[in-house]
Amino acid sequence: MKDLPAAQKSTTAVIITSIYLLLVAGAFLVMFLAKEDESLAGIFVVLVAMPWTILLTWIVDNLGIDSMVFNTVFSALACMLNAWIIYSVISFLSKRGR
């Protein structure tokens, strides 16, 4: 059996992380394309950014930061953190399984 280079990416981790990022892009697309009277358009972003959106509600309630720009940037960063966690965990598990 050949030894794999340390920097080789896990195909499974890349595929699953890519699927998650496509879901994130779709959620943001729904939010940005929604009309003003569609109040639940951002719920998909809240769901894909979980569990960090719980922290966002705490920040809004306790610190009084209630800005649509802040909420959007926070949610985007939360999704990127989730993607990194997904990739890291699946990559680690796939290396352990070899």
C-alpha atoms as a PDB file:
ATOM      1  CA  MET A   1       0.000   0.000   0.000  1.00  0.00           C
ATOM      2  CA  LYS A   2       1.269   3.465  -0.872  1.00  0.00           C
ATOM      3  CA  ASP A   3       1.747   6.091   1.799  1.00  0.00           C
ATOM      4  CA  LEU A   4      -0.466   9.080   1.160  1.00  0.00           C
ATOM      5  CA  PRO A   5       0.994  12.575   1.393  1.00  0.00           C
ATOM      6  CA  ALA A   6       0.053  14.442   4.552  1.00  0.00           C
ATOM      7  CA  ALA A   7      -1.473  17.322   2.583  1.00  0.00           C
ATOM      8  CA  GLN A   8      -3.818  15.136   0.509  1.00  0.00           C
ATOM      9  CA  LYS A   9      -7.414  16.231   0.833  1.00  0.00           C
ATOM     10  CA  SER A  10     -10.141  13.822   1.809  1.00  0.00           C
ATOM     11  CA  THR A  11     -12.534  13.482  -1.126  1.00  0.00           C
ATOM     12  CA  THR A  12     -15.432  12.654   1.166  1.00  0.00           C
ATOM     13  CA  ALA A  13     -14.809  15.751   3.282  1.00  0.00           C
ATOM     14  CA  VAL A  14     -14.608  17.976   0.213  1.00  0.00           C
ATOM     15  CA  ILE A  15     -17.842  16.567  -1.236  1.00  0.00           C
ATOM     16  CA  ILE A  16     -19.855  16.873   1.981  1.00  0.00           C
ATOM     17  CA  THR A  17     -18.509  20.349   2.713  1.00  0.00           C
ATOM     18  CA  SER A  18     -19.338  21.411  -0.856  1.00  0.00           C
ATOM     19  CA  ILE A  19     -22.904  20.146  -0.447  1.00  0.00           C
ATOM     20  CA  TYR A  20     -23.211  22.148   2.789  1.00  0.00           C
ATOM     21  CA  LEU A  21     -21.855  25.275   1.081  1.00  0.00           C
ATOM     22  CA  LEU A  22     -24.373  24.849  -1.760  1.00  0.00           C
ATOM     23  CA  LEU A  23     -27.151  24.711   0.838  1.00  0.00           C
ATOM     24  CA  VAL A  24     -25.741  27.867   2.426  1.00  0.00           C
ATOM     25  CA  ALA A  25     -25.619  29.642  -0.942  1.00  0.00           C
ATOM     26  CA  GLY A  26     -29.227  28.609  -1.619  1.00  0.00           C
ATOM     27  CA  ALA A  27     -30.345  29.865   1.790  1.00  0.00           C
ATOM     28  CA  PHE A  28     -28.704  33.251   1.247  1.00  0.00           C
ATOM     29  CA  LEU A  29     -30.124  33.415  -2.270  1.00  0.00           C
ATOM     30  CA  VAL A  30     -33.652  32.879  -0.944  1.00  0.00           C
ATOM     31  CA  MET A  31     -33.071  35.576   1.675  1.00  0.00           C
ATOM     32  CA  PHE A  32     -31.721  38.147  -0.773  1.00  0.00           C
ATOM     33  CA  LEU A  33     -34.312  37.488  -3.479  1.00  0.00           C
ATOM     34  CA  ALA A  34     -37.313  37.602  -1.139  1.00  0.00           C
ATOM     35  CA  LYS A  35     -39.745  40.487  -1.225  1.00  0.00           C
ATOM     36  CA  GLU A  36     -39.968  42.871   1.706  1.00  0.00           C
ATOM     37  CA  ASP A  37     -43.254  41.425   2.956  1.00  0.00           C
ATOM     38  CA  GLU A  38     -41.862  37.864   3.204  1.00  0.00           C
ATOM     39  CA  SER A  39     -40.818  37.897   6.828  1.00  0.00           C
ATOM     40  CA  LEU A  40     -39.556  34.307   7.040  1.00  0.00           C
ATOM     41  CA  ALA A  41     -37.162  34.436   4.096  1.00  0.00           C
ATOM     42  CA  GLY A  42     -34.125  34.381   6.385  1.00  0.00           C
ATOM     43  CA  ILE A  43     -35.167  31.286   8.315  1.00  0.00           C
ATOM     44  CA  PHE A  44     -33.131  29.031   6.020  1.00  0.00           C
ATOM     45  CA  VAL A  45     -29.983  31.023   6.797  1.00  0.00           C
ATOM     46  CA  VAL A  46     -30.749  30.705  10.505  1.00  0.00           C
ATOM     47  CA  LEU A  47     -31.067  26.938  10.132  1.00  0.00           C
ATOM     48  CA  VAL A  48     -27.840  26.381   8.163  1.00  0.00           C
ATOM     49  CA  ALA A  49     -25.890  28.654  10.539  1.00  0.00           C
ATOM     50  CA  MET A  50     -26.997  26.767  13.663  1.00  0.00           C
ATOM     51  CA  PRO A  51     -25.833  26.567  16.486  1.00  0.00           C
ATOM     52  CA  TRP A  52     -24.155  29.970  16.176  1.00  0.00           C
ATOM     53  CA  THR A  53     -27.440  31.777  15.563  1.00  0.00           C
ATOM     54  CA  ILE A  54     -28.328  31.040  19.183  1.00  0.00           C
ATOM     55  CA  LEU A  55     -25.320  33.202  20.084  1.00  0.00           C
ATOM     56  CA  LEU A  56     -26.596  35.839  17.666  1.00  0.00           C
ATOM     57  CA  THR A  57     -29.923  36.063  19.487  1.00  0.00           C
ATOM     58  CA  TRP A  58     -28.037  36.482  22.766  1.00  0.00           C
ATOM     59  CA  ILE A  59     -25.936  39.299  21.251  1.00  0.00           C
ATOM     60  CA  VAL A  60     -29.025  41.058  19.891  1.00  0.00           C
ATOM     61  CA  ASP A  61     -30.921  40.719  23.183  1.00  0.00           C
ATOM     62  CA  ASN A  62     -28.148  41.598  25.634  1.00  0.00           C
ATOM     63  CA  LEU A  63     -25.899  43.996  23.733  1.00  0.00           C
ATOM     64  CA  GLY A  64     -28.596  45.743  21.740  1.00  0.00           C
ATOM     65  CA  ILE A  65     -26.860  45.238  18.391  1.00  0.00           C
ATOM     66  CA  ASP A  66     -29.758  44.899  15.980  1.00  0.00           C
ATOM     67  CA  SER A  67     -28.509  45.577  12.487  1.00  0.00           C
ATOM     68  CA  MET A  68     -29.439  43.682   9.347  1.00  0.00           C
ATOM     69  CA  VAL A  69     -25.870  44.020   8.054  1.00  0.00           C
ATOM     70  CA  PHE A  70     -24.440  42.682  11.327  1.00  0.00           C
ATOM     71  CA  ASN A  71     -26.887  39.769  11.328  1.00  0.00           C
ATOM     72  CA  THR A  72     -26.044  38.876   7.717  1.00  0.00           C
ATOM     73  CA  VAL A  73     -22.272  39.076   8.224  1.00  0.00           C
ATOM     74  CA  PHE A  74     -22.505  37.127  11.481  1.00  0.00           C
ATOM     75  CA  SER A  75     -24.569  34.418   9.780  1.00  0.00           C
ATOM     76  CA  ALA A  76     -22.144  34.200   6.850  1.00  0.00           C
ATOM     77  CA  LEU A  77     -19.193  33.834   9.233  1.00  0.00           C
ATOM     78  CA  ALA A  78     -21.113  31.216  11.214  1.00  0.00           C
ATOM     79  CA  CYS A  79     -21.702  29.238   8.020  1.00  0.00           C
ATOM     80  CA  MET A  80     -18.008  29.417   7.143  1.00  0.00           C
ATOM     81  CA  LEU A  81     -17.145  28.192  10.644  1.00  0.00           C
ATOM     82  CA  ASN A  82     -19.608  25.319  10.232  1.00  0.00           C
ATOM     83  CA  ALA A  83     -18.060  24.428   6.864  1.00  0.00           C
ATOM     84  CA  TRP A  84     -14.586  24.383   8.404  1.00  0.00           C
ATOM     85  CA  ILE A  85     -15.810  22.178  11.276  1.00  0.00           C
ATOM     86  CA  ILE A  86     -17.561  19.789   8.879  1.00  0.00           C
ATOM     87  CA  TYR A  87     -14.460  19.510   6.699  1.00  0.00           C
ATOM     88  CA  SER A  88     -12.111  19.042   9.658  1.00  0.00           C
ATOM     89  CA  VAL A  89     -14.198  16.380  11.386  1.00  0.00           C
ATOM     90  CA  ILE A  90     -14.885  14.351   8.251  1.00  0.00           C
ATOM     91  CA  SER A  91     -11.280  14.629   7.113  1.00  0.00           C
ATOM     92  CA  PHE A  92     -10.074  13.480  10.535  1.00  0.00           C
ATOM     93  CA  LEU A  93     -12.507  10.564  10.585  1.00  0.00           C
ATOM     94  CA  SER A  94     -11.616   9.460   7.078  1.00  0.00           C
ATOM     95  CA  LYS A  95      -7.873   9.523   7.922  1.00  0.00           C
ATOM     96  CA  ARG A  96      -8.529   7.461  11.038  1.00  0.00           C
ATOM     97  CA  GLY A  97     -10.473   4.944   8.967  1.00  0.00           C
ATOM     98  CA  ARG A  98      -7.593   4.290   6.557  1.00  0.00           C
END
